[in-house]
């Protein structure tokens, strides 16, 4: 019985090590520029996608200029979060699919959902 438990634990550790090595890490998404000061760095990074077309903006809120329009289903890696004075959540990160891959900016949290789409 003890051998089976050790064997099962070793197999689980091997699978976990393989998955961890293949999974994207926050360091893989890091850019040469620092995160904006308005980011909550206590929140965990998240792999997201857009649920509708949405503007990638230069700052939190619709008052900031649009850097691009992301299509519905665009993958977005949120590195940190920020909230406006009106309580609207925004995610800062990098675009991971589509024509704007590699661009960084802010996206409204209302138009994001968890997980990869592509």
Protein backbone atom coordinates (compact mmCIF):
# COMPACT_ATOMS: atom_id res chain seq x y z
CA UNK A 1 0.00 0.00 0.00
CA UNK A 2 2.83 2.41 0.91
CA UNK A 3 4.58 1.68 -2.39
CA UNK A 4 1.39 2.51 -4.30
CA UNK A 5 1.04 5.82 -2.47
CA UNK A 6 4.67 6.75 -3.15
CA UNK A 7 4.30 5.71 -6.79
CA UNK A 8 1.08 7.71 -7.19
CA UNK A 9 2.68 10.74 -5.51
CA UNK A 10 5.71 10.51 -7.80
CA UNK A 11 3.50 10.25 -10.90
CA UNK A 12 1.41 13.24 -9.80
CA UNK A 13 4.58 15.27 -9.16
CA UNK A 14 5.90 14.40 -12.63
CA UNK A 15 2.64 15.48 -14.30
CA UNK A 16 2.56 18.70 -12.28
CA UNK A 17 6.18 19.47 -13.20
CA UNK A 18 5.39 18.94 -16.89
CA UNK A 19 2.33 21.19 -16.76
CA UNK A 20 4.16 23.87 -14.80
CA UNK A 21 7.02 23.90 -17.28
CA UNK A 22 4.62 24.24 -20.22
CA UNK A 23 2.34 26.87 -18.65
CA UNK A 24 2.98 30.54 -19.36
CA UNK A 25 4.44 32.41 -16.42
CA UNK A 26 4.03 36.06 -15.49
CA UNK A 27 7.75 36.48 -16.25
CA UNK A 28 7.14 35.28 -19.81
CA UNK A 29 4.77 38.22 -20.26
CA UNK A 30 6.92 40.85 -18.54
CA UNK A 31 7.89 43.85 -20.59
CA UNK A 32 10.82 46.19 -20.31
CA UNK A 33 8.45 48.85 -18.99
CA UNK A 34 7.17 48.83 -15.42
CA UNK A 35 3.55 48.32 -14.50
CA UNK A 36 1.50 51.49 -14.19
CA UNK A 37 1.38 53.03 -10.70
CA UNK A 38 -2.42 52.61 -10.69
CA UNK A 39 -2.13 48.80 -10.75
CA UNK A 40 -3.08 46.60 -7.82
CA UNK A 41 -0.11 44.27 -7.76
CA UNK A 42 -1.61 42.22 -4.90
CA UNK A 43 -4.05 40.60 -7.34
CA UNK A 44 -2.94 37.51 -9.24
CA UNK A 45 -2.28 37.78 -13.00
CA UNK A 46 -4.98 36.16 -15.11
CA UNK A 47 -5.39 34.72 -18.60
CA UNK A 48 -8.53 36.33 -20.05
CA UNK A 49 -10.30 36.98 -23.34
CA UNK A 50 -12.57 39.75 -24.57
CA UNK A 51 -16.32 39.05 -24.61
CA UNK A 52 -17.09 41.84 -27.12
CA UNK A 53 -15.05 44.26 -29.22
CA UNK A 54 -13.28 46.57 -26.77
CA UNK A 55 -10.83 49.47 -26.81
CA UNK A 56 -7.31 48.88 -25.54
CA UNK A 57 -6.66 52.15 -23.74
CA UNK A 58 -3.68 54.15 -22.53
CA UNK A 59 -5.16 54.41 -19.02
CA UNK A 60 -8.03 53.29 -16.79
CA UNK A 61 -11.26 54.74 -18.09
CA UNK A 62 -12.91 55.86 -21.30
CA UNK A 63 -11.32 59.31 -20.94
CA UNK A 64 -7.97 57.83 -22.00
CA UNK A 65 -7.05 57.53 -25.66
CA UNK A 66 -7.71 54.30 -27.52
CA UNK A 67 -4.57 52.45 -28.60
CA UNK A 68 -6.49 49.86 -30.63
CA UNK A 69 -9.80 48.04 -30.86
CA UNK A 70 -9.62 44.37 -29.86
CA UNK A 71 -12.01 41.94 -31.53
CA UNK A 72 -14.33 39.69 -29.54
CA UNK A 73 -12.42 36.59 -28.40
CA UNK A 74 -9.00 38.28 -28.26
CA UNK A 75 -6.70 36.68 -25.66
CA UNK A 76 -5.49 39.14 -23.02
CA UNK A 77 -3.03 38.45 -20.20
CA UNK A 78 -3.93 40.74 -17.28
CA UNK A 79 -0.85 41.51 -15.20
CA UNK A 80 -2.61 43.77 -12.70
CA UNK A 81 -5.87 45.58 -11.99
CA UNK A 82 -7.08 49.09 -11.30
CA UNK A 83 -10.38 50.69 -10.39
CA UNK A 84 -11.67 54.13 -11.33
CA UNK A 85 -13.11 56.62 -8.86
CA UNK A 86 -16.57 55.46 -10.03
CA UNK A 87 -15.77 51.85 -9.06
CA UNK A 88 -15.24 50.44 -12.57
CA UNK A 89 -12.57 47.72 -12.79
CA UNK A 90 -9.92 47.78 -15.49
CA UNK A 91 -7.20 45.25 -16.31
CA UNK A 92 -3.70 46.18 -17.49
CA UNK A 93 -1.78 43.68 -19.57
CA UNK A 94 -0.70 42.42 -22.96
CA UNK A 95 -2.71 41.32 -26.01
CA UNK A 96 -1.90 37.70 -26.89
CA UNK A 97 -3.80 37.05 -30.10
CA UNK A 98 -5.01 38.82 -33.20
CA UNK A 99 -3.64 41.81 -35.08
CA UNK A 100 -2.61 43.66 -31.91
CA UNK A 101 -0.52 40.85 -30.34
CA UNK A 102 2.15 42.26 -28.04
CA UNK A 103 0.43 45.62 -27.45
CA UNK A 104 -0.01 46.69 -23.82
CA UNK A 105 -2.77 48.71 -22.29
CA UNK A 106 -5.94 48.82 -20.22
CA UNK A 107 -9.18 46.94 -20.98
CA UNK A 108 -12.52 47.30 -19.19
CA UNK A 109 -13.08 44.44 -16.75
CA UNK A 110 -16.74 44.30 -17.81
CA UNK A 111 -15.68 43.04 -21.25
CA UNK A 112 -13.29 40.30 -20.08
CA UNK A 113 -13.84 36.65 -19.16
CA UNK A 114 -11.49 33.97 -17.85
CA UNK A 115 -9.48 31.64 -20.11
CA UNK A 116 -7.86 31.38 -23.51
CA UNK A 117 -10.06 31.52 -26.62
CA UNK A 118 -7.46 30.58 -29.25
